[in-house]
C-alpha atoms as a PDB file:
ATOM      1  CA  MET A   1      46.437  60.167  10.563  1.00  0.00           C
ATOM      2  CA  ASN A   2      43.114  61.885   9.449  1.00  0.00           C
ATOM      3  CA  ASP A   3      43.201  60.214   6.623  1.00  0.00           C
ATOM      4  CA  LYS A   4      43.825  57.224   8.464  1.00  0.00           C
ATOM      5  CA  LEU A   5      41.027  57.465  10.285  1.00  0.00           C
ATOM      6  CA  LYS A   6      38.293  58.600   7.606  1.00  0.00           C
ATOM      7  CA  GLU A   7      39.614  55.123   5.904  1.00  0.00           C
ATOM      8  CA  LEU A   8      38.972  53.131   9.000  1.00  0.00           C
ATOM      9  CA  ASP A   9      36.080  54.614   9.328  1.00  0.00           C
ATOM     10  CA  GLN A  10      34.890  54.014   6.391  1.00  0.00           C
ATOM     11  CA  LEU A  11      35.822  50.745   6.508  1.00  0.00           C
ATOM     12  CA  SER A  12      33.863  49.818   9.554  1.00  0.00           C
ATOM     13  CA  LYS A  13      30.571  51.655   7.908  1.00  0.00           C
ATOM     14  CA  GLU A  14      31.343  49.241   5.264  1.00  0.00           C
ATOM     15  CA  PHE A  15      31.806  46.030   7.460  1.00  0.00           C
ATOM     16  CA  ASN A  16      28.781  46.967   8.973  1.00  0.00           C
ATOM     17  CA  GLN A  17      26.570  47.458   5.900  1.00  0.00           C
ATOM     18  CA  ALA A  18      27.744  44.143   4.758  1.00  0.00           C
ATOM     19  CA  LYS A  19      26.934  42.630   8.367  1.00  0.00           C
ATOM     20  CA  ASN A  20      23.376  43.978   7.885  1.00  0.00           C
ATOM     21  CA  GLU A  21      23.187  42.566   4.336  1.00  0.00           C
ATOM     22  CA  ALA A  22      24.272  39.372   5.400  1.00  0.00           C
ATOM     23  CA  ASN A  23      22.080  38.814   8.273  1.00  0.00           C
ATOM     24  CA  SER A  24      19.481  39.951   5.978  1.00  0.00           C
ATOM     25  CA  THR A  25      20.307  37.310   3.443  1.00  0.00           C
ATOM     26  CA  LYS A  26      20.464  34.811   6.393  1.00  0.00           C
ATOM     27  CA  SER A  27      16.591  35.688   7.319  1.00  0.00           C
ATOM     28  CA  THR A  28      15.560  35.260   3.930  1.00  0.00           C
ATOM     29  CA  LEU A  29      17.402  31.778   3.123  1.00  0.00           C
ATOM     30  CA  LYS A  30      15.579  30.993   6.701  1.00  0.00           C
ATOM     31  CA  VAL A  31      12.182  32.213   5.100  1.00  0.00           C
ATOM     32  CA  ALA A  32      13.190  30.562   1.777  1.00  0.00           C
ATOM     33  CA  GLN A  33      14.413  27.093   3.628  1.00  0.00           C
ATOM     34  CA  GLY A  34      11.568  27.072   5.768  1.00  0.00           C
ATOM     35  CA  LYS A  35       8.992  27.119   2.569  1.00  0.00           C
ATOM     36  CA  LEU A  36      11.246  24.666   0.416  1.00  0.00           C
ATOM     37  CA  SER A  37      11.085  22.057   3.474  1.00  0.00           C
ATOM     38  CA  GLU A  38       7.348  22.745   3.917  1.00  0.00           C
ATOM     39  CA  GLN A  39       7.218  21.580  -0.204  1.00  0.00           C
ATOM     40  CA  TYR A  40       8.468  19.176   0.341  1.00  0.00           C
ATOM     41  CA  SER A  41       6.980  17.931   3.394  1.00  0.00           C
ATOM     42  CA  GLU A  42       3.975  17.763   1.152  1.00  0.00           C
ATOM     43  CA  LEU A  43       5.200  16.332  -2.150  1.00  0.00           C
ATOM     44  CA  ARG A  44       6.986  13.351  -0.118  1.00  0.00           C
ATOM     45  CA  VAL A  45       3.223  12.762   1.478  1.00  0.00           C
ATOM     46  CA  HIS A  46       2.418  12.315  -2.543  1.00  0.00           C
ATOM     47  CA  LEU A  47       5.443  10.407  -3.418  1.00  0.00           C
ATOM     48  CA  LEU A  48       4.849   8.313  -0.789  1.00  0.00           C
ATOM     49  CA  SER A  49       1.156   8.002  -1.628  1.00  0.00           C
ATOM     50  CA  GLN A  50       2.242   7.151  -4.932  1.00  0.00           C
ATOM     51  CA  PHE A  51       4.037   4.615  -4.137  1.00  0.00           C
ATOM     52  CA  MET A  52       1.666   3.052  -1.956  1.00  0.00           C
ATOM     53  CA  SER A  53      -0.424   2.935  -4.924  1.00  0.00           C
ATOM     54  CA  LEU A  54       1.813   1.563  -7.303  1.00  0.00           C
ATOM     55  CA  ALA A  55       2.854  -1.198  -5.686  1.00  0.00           C
ATOM     56  CA  CYS A  56      -0.610  -2.171  -4.774  1.00  0.00           C
ATOM     57  CA  SER A  57      -2.016  -2.593  -8.242  1.00  0.00           C
ATOM     58  CA  LYS A  58       1.732  -3.527  -9.996  1.00  0.00           C
ATOM     59  CA  CYS A  59       2.817  -6.489  -7.090  1.00  0.00           C
ATOM     60  CA  TYR A  60      -0.178  -7.378  -5.295  1.00  0.00           C
ATOM     61  CA  LYS A  61      -0.125 -10.589  -7.688  1.00  0.00           C
ATOM     62  CA  LEU A  62       3.586 -11.456  -6.070  1.00  0.00           C
ATOM     63  CA  LEU A  63       2.145 -11.706  -2.226  1.00  0.00           C
ATOM     64  CA  SER A  64       3.334 -15.341  -2.384  1.00  0.00           C
ATOM     65  CA  ASN A  65       6.998 -15.051  -3.524  1.00  0.00           C
ATOM     66  CA  SER A  66       8.719 -12.781  -1.441  1.00  0.00           C
ATOM     67  CA  LYS A  67      12.014 -12.385  -3.365  1.00  0.00           C
ATOM     68  CA  ASN A  68       9.927 -11.224  -6.356  1.00  0.00           C
ATOM     69  CA  LEU A  69       7.767  -9.269  -4.357  1.00  0.00           C
ATOM     70  CA  SER A  70      10.710  -7.281  -2.567  1.00  0.00           C
ATOM     71  CA  GLN A  71      12.116  -6.748  -6.322  1.00  0.00           C
ATOM     72  CA  CYS A  72       8.732  -5.118  -7.588  1.00  0.00           C
ATOM     73  CA  PHE A  73       8.582  -2.503  -4.232  1.00  0.00           C
ATOM     74  CA  SER A  74      12.181  -1.670  -4.939  1.00  0.00           C
ATOM     75  CA  LYS A  75      11.457  -1.475  -8.888  1.00  0.00           C
ATOM     76  CA  ILE A  76       8.864   0.876  -8.198  1.00  0.00           C
ATOM     77  CA  ALA A  77      10.802   2.712  -5.385  1.00  0.00           C
ATOM     78  CA  ASP A  78      13.995   3.752  -8.082  1.00  0.00           C
ATOM     79  CA  SER A  79      10.921   4.394 -10.633  1.00  0.00           C
ATOM     80  CA  THR A  80      10.622   8.190 -12.299  1.00  0.00           C
ATOM     81  CA  ASN A  81       7.258   8.275  -9.967  1.00  0.00           C
ATOM     82  CA  ILE A  82       9.052   8.737  -7.151  1.00  0.00           C
ATOM     83  CA  ARG A  83      11.829  10.336  -8.350  1.00  0.00           C
ATOM     84  CA  GLY A  84      11.057  13.584  -6.394  1.00  0.00           C
ATOM     85  CA  LEU A  85      12.262  11.743  -2.480  1.00  0.00           C
ATOM     86  CA  ASN A  86      15.316  12.741  -1.144  1.00  0.00           C
ATOM     87  CA  LYS A  87      18.036  10.369  -1.123  1.00  0.00           C
ATOM     88  CA  LYS A  88      17.319   9.659   2.898  1.00  0.00           C
ATOM     89  CA  ASP A  89      13.988   9.041   1.851  1.00  0.00           C
ATOM     90  CA  LYS A  90      14.392   6.730  -0.170  1.00  0.00           C
ATOM     91  CA  ASP A  91      16.994   4.983   1.790  1.00  0.00           C
ATOM     92  CA  LYS A  92      13.976   5.131   4.622  1.00  0.00           C
ATOM     93  CA  LEU A  93      11.680   3.641   2.027  1.00  0.00           C
ATOM     94  CA  ARG A  94      14.255   0.752   0.714  1.00  0.00           C
ATOM     95  CA  ARG A  95      14.815  -0.296   4.723  1.00  0.00           C
ATOM     96  CA  THR A  96      11.227  -0.354   5.516  1.00  0.00           C
ATOM     97  CA  ILE A  97      10.631  -2.429   2.558  1.00  0.00           C
ATOM     98  CA  SER A  98      13.025  -4.721   3.440  1.00  0.00           C
ATOM     99  CA  GLN A  99      11.669  -5.066   6.900  1.00  0.00           C
ATOM    100  CA  GLU A 100       7.797  -5.108   5.884  1.00  0.00           C
ATOM    101  CA  ILE A 101       8.344  -7.917   3.232  1.00  0.00           C
ATOM    102  CA  PRO A 102       8.299 -10.646   5.304  1.00  0.00           C
ATOM    103  CA  LYS A 103       5.542  -9.297   7.714  1.00  0.00           C
ATOM    104  CA  LEU A 104       3.364  -9.227   4.594  1.00  0.00           C
ATOM    105  CA  ILE A 105       4.271 -12.884   2.896  1.00  0.00           C
ATOM    106  CA  ILE A 106       3.475 -14.402   6.807  1.00  0.00           C
ATOM    107  CA  ASP A 107       0.295 -12.532   6.978  1.00  0.00           C
ATOM    108  CA  TYR A 108      -0.886 -13.381   3.381  1.00  0.00           C
ATOM    109  CA  SER A 109       0.008 -16.531   4.013  1.00  0.00           C
ATOM    110  CA  ASN A 110      -2.436 -16.893   7.243  1.00  0.00           C
ATOM    111  CA  ARG A 111      -5.139 -15.319   5.448  1.00  0.00           C
ATOM    112  CA  LYS A 112      -4.969 -17.262   2.660  1.00  0.00           C
ATOM    113  CA  GLU A 113      -4.497 -20.595   4.788  1.00  0.00           C
ATOM    114  CA  GLU A 114      -7.911 -19.766   6.534  1.00  0.00           C
ATOM    115  CA  LEU A 115      -9.848 -18.771   3.125  1.00  0.00           C
ATOM    116  CA  ASP A 116      -8.407 -22.361   1.675  1.00  0.00           C
ATOM    117  CA  TYR A 117      -9.460 -23.826   4.847  1.00  0.00           C
ATOM    118  CA  VAL A 118     -13.182 -22.155   4.431  1.00  0.00           C
ATOM    119  CA  LEU A 119     -13.298 -22.602   0.687  1.00  0.00           C
ATOM    120  CA  ARG A 120     -12.548 -26.522   1.734  1.00  0.00           C
ATOM    121  CA  LYS A 121     -15.699 -26.821   3.962  1.00  0.00           C
ATOM    122  CA  LEU A 122     -17.885 -25.082   1.544  1.00  0.00           C
ATOM    123  CA  ASP A 123     -16.954 -27.646  -1.308  1.00  0.00           C
ATOM    124  CA  LYS A 124     -17.542 -30.456   1.162  1.00  0.00           C
ATOM    125  CA  LYS A 125     -20.830 -29.146   2.037  1.00  0.00           C
ATOM    126  CA  THR A 126     -21.678 -28.804  -1.196  1.00  0.00           C
ATOM    127  CA  LEU A 127     -20.726 -32.046  -2.297  1.00  0.00           C
ATOM    128  CA  ILE A 128     -22.836 -33.461   1.215  1.00  0.00           C
ATOM    129  CA  THR A 129     -25.711 -30.989  -1.113  1.00  0.00           C
ATOM    130  CA  ASP A 130     -25.266 -32.481  -4.099  1.00  0.00           C
ATOM    131  CA  LYS A 131     -25.153 -36.175  -2.673  1.00  0.00           C
ATOM    132  CA  GLU A 132     -28.201 -35.647  -0.737  1.00  0.00           C
ATOM    133  CA  CYS A 133     -30.313 -33.995  -3.602  1.00  0.00           C
ATOM    134  CA  GLU A 134     -28.788 -37.034  -5.635  1.00  0.00           C
ATOM    135  CA  PHE A 135     -29.849 -39.480  -3.260  1.00  0.00           C
ATOM    136  CA  ASN A 136     -33.230 -38.090  -2.639  1.00  0.00           C
ATOM    137  CA  LYS A 137     -33.925 -38.533  -6.737  1.00  0.00           C
ATOM    138  CA  LEU A 138     -33.269 -42.475  -6.243  1.00  0.00           C
ATOM    139  CA  LYS A 139     -36.082 -43.091  -3.805  1.00  0.00           C
ATOM    140  CA  HIS A 140     -39.728 -44.053  -5.171  1.00  0.00           C
ATOM    141  CA  GLU A 141     -41.105 -40.802  -4.289  1.00  0.00           C
ATOM    142  CA  TYR A 142     -38.945 -39.003  -6.681  1.00  0.00           C
ATOM    143  CA  LYS A 143     -41.449 -40.548  -9.351  1.00  0.00           C
ATOM    144  CA  ASP A 144     -44.404 -39.069  -8.175  1.00  0.00           C
ATOM    145  CA  ARG A 145     -45.220 -36.051  -9.642  1.00  0.00           C
ATOM    146  CA  PHE A 146     -45.805 -33.261  -6.528  1.00  0.00           C
ATOM    147  CA  GLN A 147     -42.690 -35.444  -4.459  1.00  0.00           C
ATOM    148  CA  LYS A 148     -40.484 -34.120  -7.467  1.00  0.00           C
ATOM    149  CA  ILE A 149     -42.240 -30.771  -7.589  1.00  0.00           C
ATOM    150  CA  ASN A 150     -40.921 -31.052  -3.629  1.00  0.00           C
ATOM    151  CA  ILE A 151     -37.571 -32.437  -3.875  1.00  0.00           C
ATOM    152  CA  ASP A 152     -36.352 -30.199  -6.558  1.00  0.00           C
ATOM    153  CA  ARG A 153     -37.461 -27.727  -4.749  1.00  0.00           C
ATOM    154  CA  GLU A 154     -36.077 -28.604  -1.816  1.00  0.00           C
ATOM    155  CA  CYS A 155     -32.550 -28.728  -4.052  1.00  0.00           C
ATOM    156  CA  GLY A 156     -32.899 -25.623  -5.374  1.00  0.00           C
ATOM    157  CA  ASN A 157     -33.431 -24.272  -2.218  1.00  0.00           C
ATOM    158  CA  LYS A 158     -30.040 -25.603  -0.637  1.00  0.00           C
ATOM    159  CA  LYS A 159     -27.675 -24.762  -3.687  1.00  0.00           C
ATOM    160  CA  ARG A 160     -29.241 -20.735  -3.655  1.00  0.00           C
ATOM    161  CA  ILE A 161     -28.759 -20.492   0.399  1.00  0.00           C
ATOM    162  CA  ARG A 162     -25.542 -22.659  -0.200  1.00  0.00           C
ATOM    163  CA  LYS A 163     -24.276 -19.617  -2.908  1.00  0.00           C
ATOM    164  CA  GLN A 164     -25.764 -17.023  -0.468  1.00  0.00           C
ATOM    165  CA  SER A 165     -23.026 -18.261   1.582  1.00  0.00           C
ATOM    166  CA  LEU A 166     -20.408 -16.882   0.014  1.00  0.00           C
END
């Protein structure tokens, strides 16, 4: 019976030692997981910045076509440049791409319309200015050397002002 108590005592010591080792290993694992999580957070920021940079440089010409833009963004999201993202973040990136592309297309279209309108107005002003200059050159006063200089200077000033407004 004494042997059994000794054996039980030994097993109890071994169990407690194994339990302590397991707790120590758990603690070490938690520290390692914390460091890994912190490192991944920094990596994720870098990889998403990399995605944005590549998307801007490679896909900006495709803003007028949502299908091509979506394909371009998806191709970058699947590229080796972004391979360090975990599955959860890649899935979130893909969902964000799907949600944001229609907004980008609408914003691009609106801005393009605004700029096209401004360009049409500038083209109209240019045409009017050019016609005024041509009309002034047809006047009788244009034959006078001094008047010619004034009319040409006026036309040149208007053209310079127009270029500066661009």
